[in-house]
Each structure stands twice: as structure tokens, then as C-alpha cells.
PDB file of N, CA and C in Angstrom:
ATOM      1  N   MET A   1       0.822  -1.185   0.000  1.00  0.00           N
ATOM      2  CA  MET A   1       0.000   0.000   0.000  1.00  0.00           C
ATOM      3  C   MET A   1       0.874   1.260   0.000  1.00  0.00           C
ATOM      4  N   LEU A   2       1.934   1.217   0.806  1.00  0.00           N
ATOM      5  CA  LEU A   2       2.835   2.371   0.860  1.00  0.00           C
ATOM      6  C   LEU A   2       3.474   2.620  -0.495  1.00  0.00           C
ATOM      7  N   MET A   3       3.904   1.545  -1.141  1.00  0.00           N
ATOM      8  CA  MET A   3       4.544   1.689  -2.449  1.00  0.00           C
ATOM      9  C   MET A   3       3.570   2.277  -3.471  1.00  0.00           C
ATOM     10  N   LEU A   4       2.343   1.814  -3.467  1.00  0.00           N
ATOM     11  CA  LEU A   4       1.365   2.335  -4.420  1.00  0.00           C
ATOM     12  C   LEU A   4       1.041   3.806  -4.146  1.00  0.00           C
ATOM     13  N   GLY A   5       0.955   4.167  -2.867  1.00  0.00           N
ATOM     14  CA  GLY A   5       0.719   5.567  -2.521  1.00  0.00           C
ATOM     15  C   GLY A   5       1.870   6.462  -2.951  1.00  0.00           C
ATOM     16  N   LEU A   6       3.100   5.996  -2.694  1.00  0.00           N
ATOM     17  CA  LEU A   6       4.269   6.759  -3.137  1.00  0.00           C
ATOM     18  C   LEU A   6       4.335   6.830  -4.660  1.00  0.00           C
ATOM     19  N   GLY A   7       4.005   5.722  -5.306  1.00  0.00           N
ATOM     20  CA  GLY A   7       4.010   5.703  -6.773  1.00  0.00           C
ATOM     21  C   GLY A   7       3.020   6.705  -7.348  1.00  0.00           C
ATOM     22  N   LEU A   8       1.834   6.781  -6.764  1.00  0.00           N
ATOM     23  CA  LEU A   8       0.841   7.751  -7.227  1.00  0.00           C
ATOM     24  C   LEU A   8       1.321   9.181  -7.008  1.00  0.00           C
ATOM     25  N   ALA A   9       1.903   9.438  -5.838  1.00  0.00           N
ATOM     26  CA  ALA A   9       2.413  10.784  -5.554  1.00  0.00           C
ATOM     27  C   ALA A   9       3.553  11.155  -6.498  1.00  0.00           C
ATOM     28  N   LEU A  10       4.449  10.214  -6.761  1.00  0.00           N
ATOM     29  CA  LEU A  10       5.558  10.479  -7.675  1.00  0.00           C
ATOM     30  C   LEU A  10       5.064  10.673  -9.107  1.00  0.00           C
ATOM     31  N   HIS A  11       4.068   9.913  -9.500  1.00  0.00           N
ATOM     32  CA  HIS A  11       3.548  10.017 -10.867  1.00  0.00           C
ATOM     33  C   HIS A  11       2.936  11.388 -11.127  1.00  0.00           C
ATOM     34  N   ARG A  12       2.415  12.004 -10.114  1.00  0.00           N
ATOM     35  CA  ARG A  12       1.837  13.355 -10.268  1.00  0.00           C
ATOM     36  C   ARG A  12       2.903  14.400 -10.558  1.00  0.00           C
ATOM     37  N   HIS A  13       4.151  14.131 -10.160  1.00  0.00           N
ATOM     38  CA  HIS A  13       5.238  15.096 -10.350  1.00  0.00           C
ATOM     39  C   HIS A  13       6.044  14.854 -11.622  1.00  0.00           C
ATOM     40  N   VAL A  14       5.756  13.783 -12.322  1.00  0.00           N
ATOM     41  CA  VAL A  14       6.459  13.484 -13.565  1.00  0.00           C
ATOM     42  C   VAL A  14       5.844  14.322 -14.682  1.00  0.00           C
ATOM     43  N   PRO A  15       6.657  14.933 -15.540  1.00  0.00           N
ATOM     44  CA  PRO A  15       6.106  15.735 -16.642  1.00  0.00           C
ATOM     45  C   PRO A  15       5.205  14.909 -17.553  1.00  0.00           C
ATOM     46  N   SER A  16       4.190  15.548 -18.090  1.00  0.00           N
ATOM     47  CA  SER A  16       3.222  14.827 -18.913  1.00  0.00           C
ATOM     48  C   SER A  16       3.681  14.647 -20.362  1.00  0.00           C
ATOM     49  N   ASP A  17       4.837  15.209 -20.732  1.00  0.00           N
ATOM     50  CA  ASP A  17       5.300  15.068 -22.124  1.00  0.00           C
ATOM     51  C   ASP A  17       5.914  13.693 -22.407  1.00  0.00           C
ATOM     52  N   ALA A  18       6.197  12.915 -21.381  1.00  0.00           N
ATOM     53  CA  ALA A  18       6.762  11.580 -21.559  1.00  0.00           C
ATOM     54  C   ALA A  18       5.635  10.563 -21.755  1.00  0.00           C
ATOM     55  N   PRO A  19       5.925   9.456 -22.428  1.00  0.00           N
ATOM     56  CA  PRO A  19       4.904   8.415 -22.606  1.00  0.00           C
ATOM     57  C   PRO A  19       4.442   7.856 -21.252  1.00  0.00           C
ATOM     58  N   ALA A  20       3.192   7.458 -21.183  1.00  0.00           N
ATOM     59  CA  ALA A  20       2.612   6.977 -19.928  1.00  0.00           C
ATOM     60  C   ALA A  20       3.321   5.735 -19.407  1.00  0.00           C
ATOM     61  N   ILE A  21       3.729   4.853 -20.301  1.00  0.00           N
ATOM     62  CA  ILE A  21       4.399   3.630 -19.848  1.00  0.00           C
ATOM     63  C   ILE A  21       5.714   3.952 -19.142  1.00  0.00           C
ATOM     64  N   VAL A  22       6.405   4.984 -19.583  1.00  0.00           N
ATOM     65  CA  VAL A  22       7.672   5.382 -18.960  1.00  0.00           C
ATOM     66  C   VAL A  22       7.413   6.021 -17.599  1.00  0.00           C
ATOM     67  N   THR A  23       6.426   6.910 -17.530  1.00  0.00           N
ATOM     68  CA  THR A  23       6.180   7.623 -16.275  1.00  0.00           C
ATOM     69  C   THR A  23       5.641   6.699 -15.193  1.00  0.00           C
ATOM     70  N   VAL A  24       4.756   5.797 -15.563  1.00  0.00           N
ATOM     71  CA  VAL A  24       4.203   4.865 -14.576  1.00  0.00           C
ATOM     72  C   VAL A  24       5.281   3.915 -14.081  1.00  0.00           C
ATOM     73  N   THR A  25       6.089   3.395 -14.986  1.00  0.00           N
ATOM     74  CA  THR A  25       7.160   2.476 -14.596  1.00  0.00           C
ATOM     75  C   THR A  25       8.185   3.176 -13.717  1.00  0.00           C
ATOM     76  N   PHE A  26       8.550   4.417 -14.066  1.00  0.00           N
ATOM     77  CA  PHE A  26       9.485   5.174 -13.241  1.00  0.00           C
ATOM     78  C   PHE A  26       8.921   5.397 -11.845  1.00  0.00           C
ATOM     79  N   ALA A  27       7.674   5.823 -11.767  1.00  0.00           N
ATOM     80  CA  ALA A  27       7.058   6.109 -10.469  1.00  0.00           C
ATOM     81  C   ALA A  27       7.013   4.860  -9.594  1.00  0.00           C
ATOM     82  N   LEU A  28       6.656   3.728 -10.176  1.00  0.00           N
ATOM     83  CA  LEU A  28       6.600   2.489  -9.393  1.00  0.00           C
ATOM     84  C   LEU A  28       7.994   1.993  -8.996  1.00  0.00           C
ATOM     85  N   ALA A  29       8.971   2.138  -9.886  1.00  0.00           N
ATOM     86  CA  ALA A  29      10.333   1.707  -9.562  1.00  0.00           C
ATOM     87  C   ALA A  29      10.935   2.559  -8.448  1.00  0.00           C
ATOM     88  N   PHE A  30      10.735   3.866  -8.524  1.00  0.00           N
ATOM     89  CA  PHE A  30      11.269   4.760  -7.499  1.00  0.00           C
ATOM     90  C   PHE A  30      10.526   4.544  -6.178  1.00  0.00           C
ATOM     91  N   ALA A  31       9.213   4.345  -6.233  1.00  0.00           N
ATOM     92  CA  ALA A  31       8.441   4.091  -5.017  1.00  0.00           C
ATOM     93  C   ALA A  31       8.870   2.782  -4.366  1.00  0.00           C
ATOM     94  N   TRP A  32       9.190   1.783  -5.185  1.00  0.00           N
ATOM     95  CA  TRP A  32       9.647   0.506  -4.641  1.00  0.00           C
ATOM     96  C   TRP A  32      10.955   0.687  -3.872  1.00  0.00           C
ATOM     97  N   VAL A  33      11.867   1.493  -4.417  1.00  0.00           N
ATOM     98  CA  VAL A  33      13.144   1.748  -3.736  1.00  0.00           C
ATOM     99  C   VAL A  33      12.904   2.450  -2.403  1.00  0.00           C
ATOM    100  N   LEU A  34      11.977   3.388  -2.372  1.00  0.00           N
ATOM    101  CA  LEU A  34      11.722   4.143  -1.152  1.00  0.00           C
ATOM    102  C   LEU A  34      10.936   3.346  -0.117  1.00  0.00           C
ATOM    103  N   ALA A  35      10.103   2.414  -0.561  1.00  0.00           N
ATOM    104  CA  ALA A  35       9.195   1.731   0.363  1.00  0.00           C
ATOM    105  C   ALA A  35       9.730   0.408   0.903  1.00  0.00           C
ATOM    106  N   THR A  36      10.695  -0.177   0.246  1.00  0.00           N
ATOM    107  CA  THR A  36      11.167  -1.483   0.707  1.00  0.00           C
ATOM    108  C   THR A  36      11.970  -1.340   1.991  1.00  0.00           C
ATOM    109  N   PRO A  37      11.793  -2.300   2.916  1.00  0.00           N
ATOM    110  CA  PRO A  37      12.532  -2.207   4.176  1.00  0.00           C
ATOM    111  C   PRO A  37      14.030  -2.485   4.006  1.00  0.00           C
ATOM    112  N   TRP A  38      14.410  -3.243   2.988  1.00  0.00           N
ATOM    113  CA  TRP A  38      15.822  -3.514   2.739  1.00  0.00           C
ATOM    114  C   TRP A  38      16.097  -3.196   1.282  1.00  0.00           C
ATOM    115  N   SER A  39      16.964  -2.246   1.030  1.00  0.00           N
ATOM    116  CA  SER A  39      17.216  -1.801  -0.335  1.00  0.00           C
ATOM    117  C   SER A  39      18.706  -1.608  -0.546  1.00  0.00           C
ATOM    118  N   MET A  40      19.166  -2.020  -1.684  1.00  0.00           N
ATOM    119  CA  MET A  40      20.568  -1.851  -2.061  1.00  0.00           C
ATOM    120  C   MET A  40      20.695  -0.687  -3.036  1.00  0.00           C
ATOM    121  N   PRO A  41      21.871  -0.057  -3.098  1.00  0.00           N
ATOM    122  CA  PRO A  41      22.025   1.108  -3.979  1.00  0.00           C
ATOM    123  C   PRO A  41      21.751   0.810  -5.443  1.00  0.00           C
ATOM    124  N   TRP A  42      22.069  -0.384  -5.901  1.00  0.00           N
ATOM    125  CA  TRP A  42      21.906  -0.693  -7.319  1.00  0.00           C
ATOM    126  C   TRP A  42      20.444  -0.981  -7.674  1.00  0.00           C
ATOM    127  N   TYR A  43      19.551  -1.022  -6.698  1.00  0.00           N
ATOM    128  CA  TYR A  43      18.132  -1.202  -6.995  1.00  0.00           C
ATOM    129  C   TYR A  43      17.549   0.032  -7.691  1.00  0.00           C
ATOM    130  N   THR A  44      18.238   1.154  -7.623  1.00  0.00           N
ATOM    131  CA  THR A  44      17.745   2.374  -8.272  1.00  0.00           C
ATOM    132  C   THR A  44      18.084   2.415  -9.756  1.00  0.00           C
ATOM    133  N   ALA A  45      18.749   1.396 -10.269  1.00  0.00           N
ATOM    134  CA  ALA A  45      19.184   1.402 -11.671  1.00  0.00           C
ATOM    135  C   ALA A  45      18.015   1.505 -12.641  1.00  0.00           C
ATOM    136  N   LEU A  46      16.922   0.813 -12.383  1.00  0.00           N
ATOM    137  CA  LEU A  46      15.770   0.882 -13.276  1.00  0.00           C
ATOM    138  C   LEU A  46      15.183   2.292 -13.293  1.00  0.00           C
ATOM    139  N   ALA A  47      15.039   2.892 -12.121  1.00  0.00           N
ATOM    140  CA  ALA A  47      14.504   4.254 -12.060  1.00  0.00           C
ATOM    141  C   ALA A  47      15.458   5.241 -12.737  1.00  0.00           C
ATOM    142  N   CYS A  48      16.763   5.050 -12.587  1.00  0.00           N
ATOM    143  CA  CYS A  48      17.738   5.931 -13.248  1.00  0.00           C
ATOM    144  C   CYS A  48      17.657   5.796 -14.769  1.00  0.00           C
ATOM    145  N   ALA A  49      17.517   4.577 -15.241  1.00  0.00           N
ATOM    146  CA  ALA A  49      17.422   4.368 -16.691  1.00  0.00           C
ATOM    147  C   ALA A  49      16.166   5.020 -17.260  1.00  0.00           C
ATOM    148  N   LEU A  50      15.085   5.011 -16.513  1.00  0.00           N
ATOM    149  CA  LEU A  50      13.844   5.626 -16.986  1.00  0.00           C
ATOM    150  C   LEU A  50      13.847   7.139 -16.820  1.00  0.00           C
ATOM    151  N   ALA A  51      14.596   7.635 -15.843  1.00  0.00           N
ATOM    152  CA  ALA A  51      14.622   9.077 -15.580  1.00  0.00           C
ATOM    153  C   ALA A  51      15.231   9.863 -16.739  1.00  0.00           C
ATOM    154  N   VAL A  52      16.079   9.230 -17.525  1.00  0.00           N
ATOM    155  CA  VAL A  52      16.702   9.949 -18.638  1.00  0.00           C
ATOM    156  C   VAL A  52      15.727  10.151 -19.800  1.00  0.00           C
ATOM    157  N   LEU A  53      14.584   9.491 -19.759  1.00  0.00           N
ATOM    158  CA  LEU A  53      13.623   9.589 -20.856  1.00  0.00           C
ATOM    159  C   LEU A  53      12.665  10.769 -20.729  1.00  0.00           C
ATOM    160  N   PHE A  54      12.722  11.494 -19.632  1.00  0.00           N
ATOM    161  CA  PHE A  54      11.888  12.683 -19.484  1.00  0.00           C
ATOM    162  C   PHE A  54      12.650  13.744 -18.710  1.00  0.00           C
ATOM    163  N   ARG A  55      12.121  14.952 -18.740  1.00  0.00           N
ATOM    164  CA  ARG A  55      12.798  16.071 -18.084  1.00  0.00           C
ATOM    165  C   ARG A  55      12.120  16.393 -16.761  1.00  0.00           C
ATOM    166  N   SER A  56      12.796  16.134 -15.689  1.00  0.00           N
ATOM    167  CA  SER A  56      12.341  16.521 -14.364  1.00  0.00           C
ATOM    168  C   SER A  56      13.565  16.575 -13.460  1.00  0.00           C
ATOM    169  N   ALA A  57      14.124  17.749 -13.356  1.00  0.00           N
ATOM    170  CA  ALA A  57      15.354  17.900 -12.577  1.00  0.00           C
ATOM    171  C   ALA A  57      15.115  17.578 -11.110  1.00  0.00           C
ATOM    172  N   ARG A  58      13.953  17.939 -10.589  1.00  0.00           N
ATOM    173  CA  ARG A  58      13.679  17.711  -9.168  1.00  0.00           C
ATOM    174  C   ARG A  58      13.606  16.210  -8.848  1.00  0.00           C
ATOM    175  N   LEU A  59      12.894  15.449  -9.667  1.00  0.00           N
ATOM    176  CA  LEU A  59      12.818  14.003  -9.424  1.00  0.00           C
ATOM    177  C   LEU A  59      14.168  13.334  -9.617  1.00  0.00           C
ATOM    178  N   THR A  60      14.934  13.796 -10.589  1.00  0.00           N
ATOM    179  CA  THR A  60      16.265  13.232 -10.807  1.00  0.00           C
ATOM    180  C   THR A  60      17.164  13.527  -9.613  1.00  0.00           C
ATOM    181  N   GLN A  61      17.071  14.731  -9.067  1.00  0.00           N
ATOM    182  CA  GLN A  61      17.863  15.073  -7.887  1.00  0.00           C
ATOM    183  C   GLN A  61      17.465  14.209  -6.692  1.00  0.00           C
ATOM    184  N   CYS A  62      16.179  13.985  -6.516  1.00  0.00           N
ATOM    185  CA  CYS A  62      15.712  13.121  -5.422  1.00  0.00           C
ATOM    186  C   CYS A  62      16.232  11.696  -5.607  1.00  0.00           C
ATOM    187  N   LEU A  63      16.245  11.231  -6.831  1.00  0.00           N
ATOM    188  CA  LEU A  63      16.746   9.890  -7.127  1.00  0.00           C
ATOM    189  C   LEU A  63      18.241   9.790  -6.845  1.00  0.00           C
ATOM    190  N   ILE A  64      18.991  10.821  -7.195  1.00  0.00           N
ATOM    191  CA  ILE A  64      20.435  10.841  -6.927  1.00  0.00           C
ATOM    192  C   ILE A  64      20.702  10.851  -5.427  1.00  0.00           C
ATOM    193  N   VAL A  65      19.939  11.637  -4.681  1.00  0.00           N
ATOM    194  CA  VAL A  65      20.112  11.685  -3.221  1.00  0.00           C
ATOM    195  C   VAL A  65      19.775  10.327  -2.604  1.00  0.00           C
ATOM    196  N   ALA A  66      18.697   9.694  -3.065  1.00  0.00           N
ATOM    197  CA  ALA A  66      18.337   8.378  -2.543  1.00  0.00           C
ATOM    198  C   ALA A  66      19.417   7.349  -2.849  1.00  0.00           C
ATOM    199  N   THR A  67      19.964   7.379  -4.059  1.00  0.00           N
ATOM    200  CA  THR A  67      21.026   6.446  -4.433  1.00  0.00           C
ATOM    201  C   THR A  67      22.285   6.684  -3.601  1.00  0.00           C
ATOM    202  N   ALA A  68      22.638   7.954  -3.406  1.00  0.00           N
ATOM    203  CA  ALA A  68      23.827   8.276  -2.605  1.00  0.00           C
ATOM    204  C   ALA A  68      23.645   7.854  -1.152  1.00  0.00           C
ATOM    205  N   ALA A  69      22.471   8.088  -0.597  1.00  0.00           N
ATOM    206  CA  ALA A  69      22.218   7.681   0.791  1.00  0.00           C
ATOM    207  C   ALA A  69      22.287   6.167   0.939  1.00  0.00           C
ATOM    208  N   LEU A  70      21.688   5.448   0.007  1.00  0.00           N
ATOM    209  CA  LEU A  70      21.765   3.983   0.053  1.00  0.00           C
ATOM    210  C   LEU A  70      23.204   3.504  -0.086  1.00  0.00           C
ATOM    211  N   ALA A  71      23.974   4.139  -0.963  1.00  0.00           N
ATOM    212  CA  ALA A  71      25.371   3.737  -1.158  1.00  0.00           C
ATOM    213  C   ALA A  71      26.193   3.987   0.104  1.00  0.00           C
ATOM    214  N   LEU A  72      25.985   5.122   0.742  1.00  0.00           N
ATOM    215  CA  LEU A  72      26.732   5.423   1.968  1.00  0.00           C
ATOM    216  C   LEU A  72      26.352   4.487   3.100  1.00  0.00           C
ATOM    217  N   LEU A  73      25.069   4.187   3.227  1.00  0.00           N
ATOM    218  CA  LEU A  73      24.640   3.284   4.291  1.00  0.00           C
ATOM    219  C   LEU A  73      25.096   1.853   4.033  1.00  0.00           C
ATOM    220  N   HIS A  74      25.110   1.447   2.779  1.00  0.00           N
ATOM    221  CA  HIS A  74      25.528   0.085   2.461  1.00  0.00           C
ATOM    222  C   HIS A  74      27.046  -0.066   2.496  1.00  0.00           C
ATOM    223  N   ASN A  75      27.759   1.014   2.265  1.00  0.00           N
ATOM    224  CA  ASN A  75      29.215   0.978   2.201  1.00  0.00           C
ATOM    225  C   ASN A  75      29.840   0.489   3.494  1.00  0.00           C
ATOM    226  N   SER A  76      29.260   0.859   4.631  1.00  0.00           N
ATOM    227  CA  SER A  76      29.868   0.476   5.899  1.00  0.00           C
ATOM    228  C   SER A  76      29.628  -0.985   6.225  1.00  0.00           C
ATOM    229  N   GLY A  77      28.586  -1.564   5.699  1.00  0.00           N
ATOM    230  CA  GLY A  77      28.294  -2.961   5.985  1.00  0.00           C
ATOM    231  C   GLY A  77      27.987  -3.210   7.453  1.00  0.00           C
ATOM    232  N   GLY A  78      27.556  -2.177   8.159  1.00  0.00           N
ATOM    233  CA  GLY A  78      27.262  -2.324   9.583  1.00  0.00           C
ATOM    234  C   GLY A  78      28.478  -2.139  10.464  1.00  0.00           C
ATOM    235  N   HIS A  79      29.583  -1.730   9.880  1.00  0.00           N
ATOM    236  CA  HIS A  79      30.816  -1.536  10.647  1.00  0.00           C
ATOM    237  C   HIS A  79      31.306  -0.117  10.428  1.00  0.00           C
ATOM    238  N   GLY A  80      32.359   0.210  11.092  1.00  0.00           N
ATOM    239  CA  GLY A  80      32.990   1.512  10.870  1.00  0.00           C
ATOM    240  C   GLY A  80      32.161   2.666  11.399  1.00  0.00           C
ATOM    241  N   TRP A  81      31.937   3.656  10.560  1.00  0.00           N
ATOM    242  CA  TRP A  81      31.285   4.887  11.007  1.00  0.00           C
ATOM    243  C   TRP A  81      29.842   4.649  11.422  1.00  0.00           C
ATOM    244  N   ALA A  82      29.158   3.669  10.848  1.00  0.00           N
ATOM    245  CA  ALA A  82      27.770   3.416  11.228  1.00  0.00           C
ATOM    246  C   ALA A  82      27.701   2.907  12.664  1.00  0.00           C
ATOM    247  N   GLN A  83      28.590   1.986  13.027  1.00  0.00           N
ATOM    248  CA  GLN A  83      28.613   1.494  14.395  1.00  0.00           C
ATOM    249  C   GLN A  83      29.008   2.601  15.362  1.00  0.00           C
ATOM    250  N   TRP A  84      29.950   3.432  14.967  1.00  0.00           N
ATOM    251  CA  TRP A  84      30.364   4.547  15.810  1.00  0.00           C
ATOM    252  C   TRP A  84      29.186   5.484  16.057  1.00  0.00           C
ATOM    253  N   ALA A  85      28.443   5.802  15.003  1.00  0.00           N
ATOM    254  CA  ALA A  85      27.296   6.696  15.140  1.00  0.00           C
ATOM    255  C   ALA A  85      26.218   6.079  16.027  1.00  0.00           C
ATOM    256  N   LEU A  86      25.975   4.789  15.876  1.00  0.00           N
ATOM    257  CA  LEU A  86      24.975   4.136  16.715  1.00  0.00           C
ATOM    258  C   LEU A  86      25.387   4.125  18.180  1.00  0.00           C
ATOM    259  N   ARG A  87      26.681   3.927  18.450  1.00  0.00           N
ATOM    260  CA  ARG A  87      27.145   3.983  19.836  1.00  0.00           C
ATOM    261  C   ARG A  87      26.970   5.381  20.408  1.00  0.00           C
ATOM    262  N   ARG A  88      27.243   6.414  19.604  1.00  0.00           N
ATOM    263  CA  ARG A  88      27.090   7.789  20.078  1.00  0.00           C
ATOM    264  C   ARG A  88      25.632   8.098  20.393  1.00  0.00           C
ATOM    265  N   VAL A  89      24.721   7.632  19.570  1.00  0.00           N
ATOM    266  CA  VAL A  89      23.296   7.860  19.830  1.00  0.00           C
ATOM    267  C   VAL A  89      22.877   7.102  21.078  1.00  0.00           C
ATOM    268  N   HIS A  90      23.412   5.896  21.242  1.00  0.00           N
ATOM    269  CA  HIS A  90      23.073   5.079  22.408  1.00  0.00           C
ATOM    270  C   HIS A  90      23.561   5.748  23.691  1.00  0.00           C
ATOM    271  N   ASP A  91      24.680   6.464  23.642  1.00  0.00           N
ATOM    272  CA  ASP A  91      25.258   7.093  24.827  1.00  0.00           C
ATOM    273  C   ASP A  91      24.664   8.450  25.151  1.00  0.00           C
ATOM    274  N   LEU A  92      23.720   8.936  24.357  1.00  0.00           N
ATOM    275  CA  LEU A  92      23.113  10.233  24.638  1.00  0.00           C
ATOM    276  C   LEU A  92      22.308  10.184  25.927  1.00  0.00           C
ATOM    277  N   PRO A  93      22.275  11.316  26.667  1.00  0.00           N
ATOM    278  CA  PRO A  93      21.443  11.348  27.882  1.00  0.00           C
ATOM    279  C   PRO A  93      19.972  11.110  27.516  1.00  0.00           C
ATOM    280  N   GLY A  94      19.315  10.312  28.288  1.00  0.00           N
ATOM    281  CA  GLY A  94      17.912  10.020  28.039  1.00  0.00           C
ATOM    282  C   GLY A  94      17.689   8.880  27.081  1.00  0.00           C
ATOM    283  N   ALA A  95      18.765   8.357  26.476  1.00  0.00           N
ATOM    284  CA  ALA A  95      18.621   7.231  25.550  1.00  0.00           C
ATOM    285  C   ALA A  95      18.300   5.977  26.343  1.00  0.00           C
ATOM    286  N   ARG A  96      17.486   5.132  25.798  1.00  0.00           N
ATOM    287  CA  ARG A  96      17.118   3.885  26.469  1.00  0.00           C
ATOM    288  C   ARG A  96      18.306   2.942  26.459  1.00  0.00           C
ATOM    289  N   LYS A  97      18.698   2.507  27.626  1.00  0.00           N
ATOM    290  CA  LYS A  97      19.852   1.621  27.745  1.00  0.00           C
ATOM    291  C   LYS A  97      19.392   0.165  27.709  1.00  0.00           C
ATOM    292  N   THR A  98      20.196  -0.651  27.071  1.00  0.00           N
ATOM    293  CA  THR A  98      19.905  -2.080  27.035  1.00  0.00           C
ATOM    294  C   THR A  98      20.911  -2.808  27.904  1.00  0.00           C
ATOM    295  N   VAL A  99      20.477  -3.892  28.448  1.00  0.00           N
ATOM    296  CA  VAL A  99      21.358  -4.701  29.295  1.00  0.00           C
ATOM    297  C   VAL A  99      22.089  -5.678  28.405  1.00  0.00           C
ATOM    298  N   THR A 100      23.415  -5.667  28.497  1.00  0.00           N
ATOM    299  CA  THR A 100      24.191  -6.609  27.692  1.00  0.00           C
ATOM    300  C   THR A 100      24.999  -7.510  28.551  1.00  0.00           C
TER     301      THR A 100
END
């Protein structure tokens, strides 16, 4: 349901000069990337390939930001800076402590 809602919202922002099959497929592909609980950076490849077929700088920028965020989050593999950041958040005053 979330993916379909996002797809509908994204489809409203796609320019109408592109063919309907391209705009609908782009909207659903981008919504799938945003709505899935586990997503890899290369999952945006379909949306990127379709984005070149129409002119929408704002949607393309959003797609680039989503791809970059996924790449940065996946790059650490759960180690390095991501673990450091999670420890810092865990150590904040008022943070819920877990017993280990």
C-alpha cells in the first residue's frame, strides 16, 4: 500500500510530455526503492534508466540523493562509522539503555 501511494504521488510530479508507460514504470520503480525495508544502492538502476527519458530535474535530484544515501549506508556494511554513530546515539542522555 505504501509503495502504491508513493508511486501515485511520484507520478503526479512526472512531466506529462513523456509516454505513460515510462512515467508509470518510473514512479513504481522509485516508489519501490523508497518503500522497501531492505534496499541496495543498485536497486535504483531501473529508475535511473527511466529518468533519462523525461525532463524533471527535481525528481532526478531526489533519485540521486536516494542512491547516494543507500550507497553510503551500504558501504559500511554495519561496521565503521555506522557502528560509531549508533554507539554515540546510544550514549546520549535520556537514551534507552539495554542490558548486555
